[in-house]
């Protein structure tokens, strides 16, 4: 690093770390039963579901590798979507509720973070729909965990 440069934090650090993502997903999944489109998708949800998804997203955003260590990495997440037959309407409802929840829990609202966050939500939910389609089989290899960074805007908002 050159003199005068500062280290760019990961998205996970910028957002507030694992605790902030746990709060985000706990609030999100607490709201899911009240959403007519999403409630049926998550009926009978594992009580630790929010914790698992929070660990996954935290890891993708450059945080600790807790999800991979406990749950087996990206192949495991893909496996949770197999055969679920998710629809575009459900995907959009998930993204919409997630954005509302991000605002409610105070996730950073700066343009750079939100661009990266929304980009990941779009990418991840579209991948979930693809992986949930009829006939999709579990990966036979060990696909790498996605790694999400700041993307085209550059780094954190400097005001």
Protein backbone atom coordinates (compact mmCIF):
# COMPACT_ATOMS: atom_id res chain seq x y z
CA UNK A 1 0.00 0.00 0.00
CA UNK A 2 1.41 3.37 -1.01
CA UNK A 3 1.91 6.21 1.42
CA UNK A 4 -1.38 8.04 2.03
CA UNK A 5 -3.60 5.19 0.84
CA UNK A 6 -6.03 3.58 3.20
CA UNK A 7 -7.06 -0.03 3.16
CA UNK A 8 -10.49 -0.51 1.62
CA UNK A 9 -12.73 -2.46 4.00
CA UNK A 10 -14.66 -5.50 2.86
CA UNK A 11 -18.39 -5.11 2.31
CA UNK A 12 -18.91 -7.20 5.46
CA UNK A 13 -16.78 -4.85 7.54
CA UNK A 14 -18.39 -1.75 6.04
CA UNK A 15 -21.86 -3.12 6.82
CA UNK A 16 -21.01 -3.80 10.46
CA UNK A 17 -19.77 -7.37 10.43
CA UNK A 18 -21.47 -10.67 11.22
CA UNK A 19 -23.64 -9.12 13.93
CA UNK A 20 -25.20 -6.66 11.50
CA UNK A 21 -25.96 -9.40 8.99
CA UNK A 22 -27.50 -11.56 11.73
CA UNK A 23 -29.74 -8.63 12.68
CA UNK A 24 -30.65 -8.12 9.02
CA UNK A 25 -31.63 -11.72 8.39
CA UNK A 26 -33.37 -12.18 11.73
CA UNK A 27 -35.55 -9.14 10.98
CA UNK A 28 -36.08 -10.29 7.39
CA UNK A 29 -37.17 -13.83 8.27
CA UNK A 30 -39.33 -12.50 11.11
CA UNK A 31 -41.24 -10.52 8.45
CA UNK A 32 -41.51 -13.38 5.94
CA UNK A 33 -44.60 -15.03 7.54
CA UNK A 34 -46.51 -11.77 6.96
CA UNK A 35 -45.69 -11.69 3.23
CA UNK A 36 -48.32 -13.56 1.19
CA UNK A 37 -45.84 -14.44 -1.57
CA UNK A 38 -42.96 -15.54 0.64
CA UNK A 39 -44.78 -17.16 3.58
CA UNK A 40 -45.50 -20.43 1.72
CA UNK A 41 -41.89 -20.67 0.50
CA UNK A 42 -40.52 -20.56 4.04
CA UNK A 43 -43.27 -22.47 5.87
CA UNK A 44 -41.60 -24.92 8.22
CA UNK A 45 -38.32 -23.02 8.07
CA UNK A 46 -35.49 -24.26 10.27
CA UNK A 47 -35.31 -21.98 13.33
CA UNK A 48 -31.61 -21.36 12.55
CA UNK A 49 -32.26 -20.44 8.90
CA UNK A 50 -31.62 -16.72 9.42
CA UNK A 51 -28.33 -17.49 11.16
CA UNK A 52 -27.18 -19.74 8.29
CA UNK A 53 -28.08 -17.25 5.56
CA UNK A 54 -26.44 -14.42 7.52
CA UNK A 55 -23.23 -16.45 7.80
CA UNK A 56 -23.32 -17.20 4.07
CA UNK A 57 -23.80 -13.58 3.02
CA UNK A 58 -21.22 -12.35 5.54
CA UNK A 59 -18.69 -14.78 4.05
CA UNK A 60 -19.55 -13.78 0.47
CA UNK A 61 -19.03 -10.14 1.45
CA UNK A 62 -15.52 -10.84 2.77
CA UNK A 63 -16.27 -11.75 6.38
CA UNK A 64 -15.36 -14.87 8.36
CA UNK A 65 -15.73 -18.25 6.66
CA UNK A 66 -18.22 -19.47 9.25
CA UNK A 67 -20.71 -20.77 6.69
CA UNK A 68 -18.15 -22.84 4.79
CA UNK A 69 -16.69 -24.23 8.00
CA UNK A 70 -20.07 -25.20 9.46
CA UNK A 71 -22.21 -25.94 6.42
CA UNK A 72 -19.99 -26.97 3.53
CA UNK A 73 -19.69 -23.94 1.29
CA UNK A 74 -21.45 -22.96 -1.89
CA UNK A 75 -22.48 -26.51 -2.82
CA UNK A 76 -24.48 -26.63 0.39
CA UNK A 77 -26.31 -23.40 -0.42
CA UNK A 78 -27.05 -24.63 -3.94
CA UNK A 79 -28.41 -27.84 -2.43
CA UNK A 80 -30.89 -25.92 -0.30
CA UNK A 81 -32.50 -24.52 -3.46
CA UNK A 82 -32.73 -27.73 -5.49
CA UNK A 83 -36.28 -28.72 -6.34
CA UNK A 84 -37.83 -25.64 -4.70
CA UNK A 85 -39.33 -24.35 -7.99
CA UNK A 86 -38.87 -20.70 -7.06
CA UNK A 87 -40.70 -18.20 -9.25
CA UNK A 88 -39.81 -14.75 -10.52
CA UNK A 89 -42.61 -13.34 -8.35
CA UNK A 90 -41.07 -14.96 -5.26
CA UNK A 91 -37.60 -13.75 -6.21
CA UNK A 92 -38.81 -10.17 -6.60
CA UNK A 93 -40.73 -10.32 -3.32
CA UNK A 94 -37.59 -11.61 -1.57
CA UNK A 95 -35.45 -8.78 -2.97
CA UNK A 96 -38.08 -6.15 -2.16
CA UNK A 97 -38.52 -7.30 1.43
CA UNK A 98 -34.74 -7.57 1.84
CA UNK A 99 -34.26 -3.96 0.69
CA UNK A 100 -36.98 -2.75 3.05
CA UNK A 101 -35.38 -4.73 5.89
CA UNK A 102 -31.92 -3.36 5.07
CA UNK A 103 -33.34 0.14 5.50
CA UNK A 104 -35.16 -0.82 8.70
CA UNK A 105 -32.06 -2.25 10.39
CA UNK A 106 -29.81 0.57 9.23
CA UNK A 107 -27.54 -1.16 6.76
CA UNK A 108 -25.28 1.46 5.16
CA UNK A 109 -27.20 3.57 2.66
CA UNK A 110 -24.25 5.05 0.78
CA UNK A 111 -24.45 4.58 -2.99
CA UNK A 112 -21.39 2.35 -3.30
CA UNK A 113 -22.44 -0.13 -0.63
CA UNK A 114 -26.03 -0.25 -1.84
CA UNK A 115 -24.91 -0.77 -5.45
CA UNK A 116 -22.83 -3.77 -4.38
CA UNK A 117 -25.56 -5.06 -2.05
CA UNK A 118 -28.33 -4.82 -4.67
CA UNK A 119 -26.04 -6.31 -7.29
CA UNK A 120 -25.47 -9.32 -5.07
CA UNK A 121 -29.18 -9.67 -4.26
CA UNK A 122 -30.03 -9.65 -7.96
CA UNK A 123 -27.28 -12.11 -8.85
CA UNK A 124 -27.89 -14.43 -5.90
CA UNK A 125 -31.66 -14.58 -6.21
CA UNK A 126 -31.52 -15.19 -9.94
CA UNK A 127 -29.04 -18.01 -9.32
CA UNK A 128 -31.40 -19.43 -6.67
CA UNK A 129 -34.25 -19.46 -9.19
CA UNK A 130 -32.04 -21.22 -11.75
CA UNK A 131 -30.86 -23.79 -9.20
CA UNK A 132 -34.42 -24.44 -8.02
CA UNK A 133 -35.73 -25.35 -11.49
CA UNK A 134 -36.92 -28.87 -12.24
CA UNK A 135 -34.14 -31.24 -13.24
CA UNK A 136 -31.23 -29.27 -11.77
CA UNK A 137 -28.87 -31.63 -9.99
CA UNK A 138 -26.54 -31.05 -7.08
CA UNK A 139 -23.02 -29.99 -8.05
CA UNK A 140 -20.65 -32.94 -8.36
CA UNK A 141 -17.62 -30.77 -7.73
CA UNK A 142 -16.99 -28.23 -5.02
CA UNK A 143 -17.92 -24.87 -6.55
CA UNK A 144 -16.07 -21.97 -4.96
CA UNK A 145 -17.86 -19.60 -2.62
CA UNK A 146 -18.90 -16.43 -4.39
CA UNK A 147 -16.79 -13.43 -3.46
CA UNK A 148 -18.51 -10.08 -3.70
CA UNK A 149 -16.68 -6.77 -3.59
CA UNK A 150 -17.27 -3.10 -4.20
CA UNK A 151 -17.62 -3.48 -7.96
CA UNK A 152 -17.57 -0.71 -10.54
CA UNK A 153 -18.29 2.24 -8.24
CA UNK A 154 -14.95 1.57 -6.55
CA UNK A 155 -14.93 1.60 -2.79
CA UNK A 156 -16.84 2.93 0.15
CA UNK A 157 -18.58 6.26 -0.05
CA UNK A 158 -16.16 9.08 0.65
CA UNK A 159 -18.78 11.83 0.69
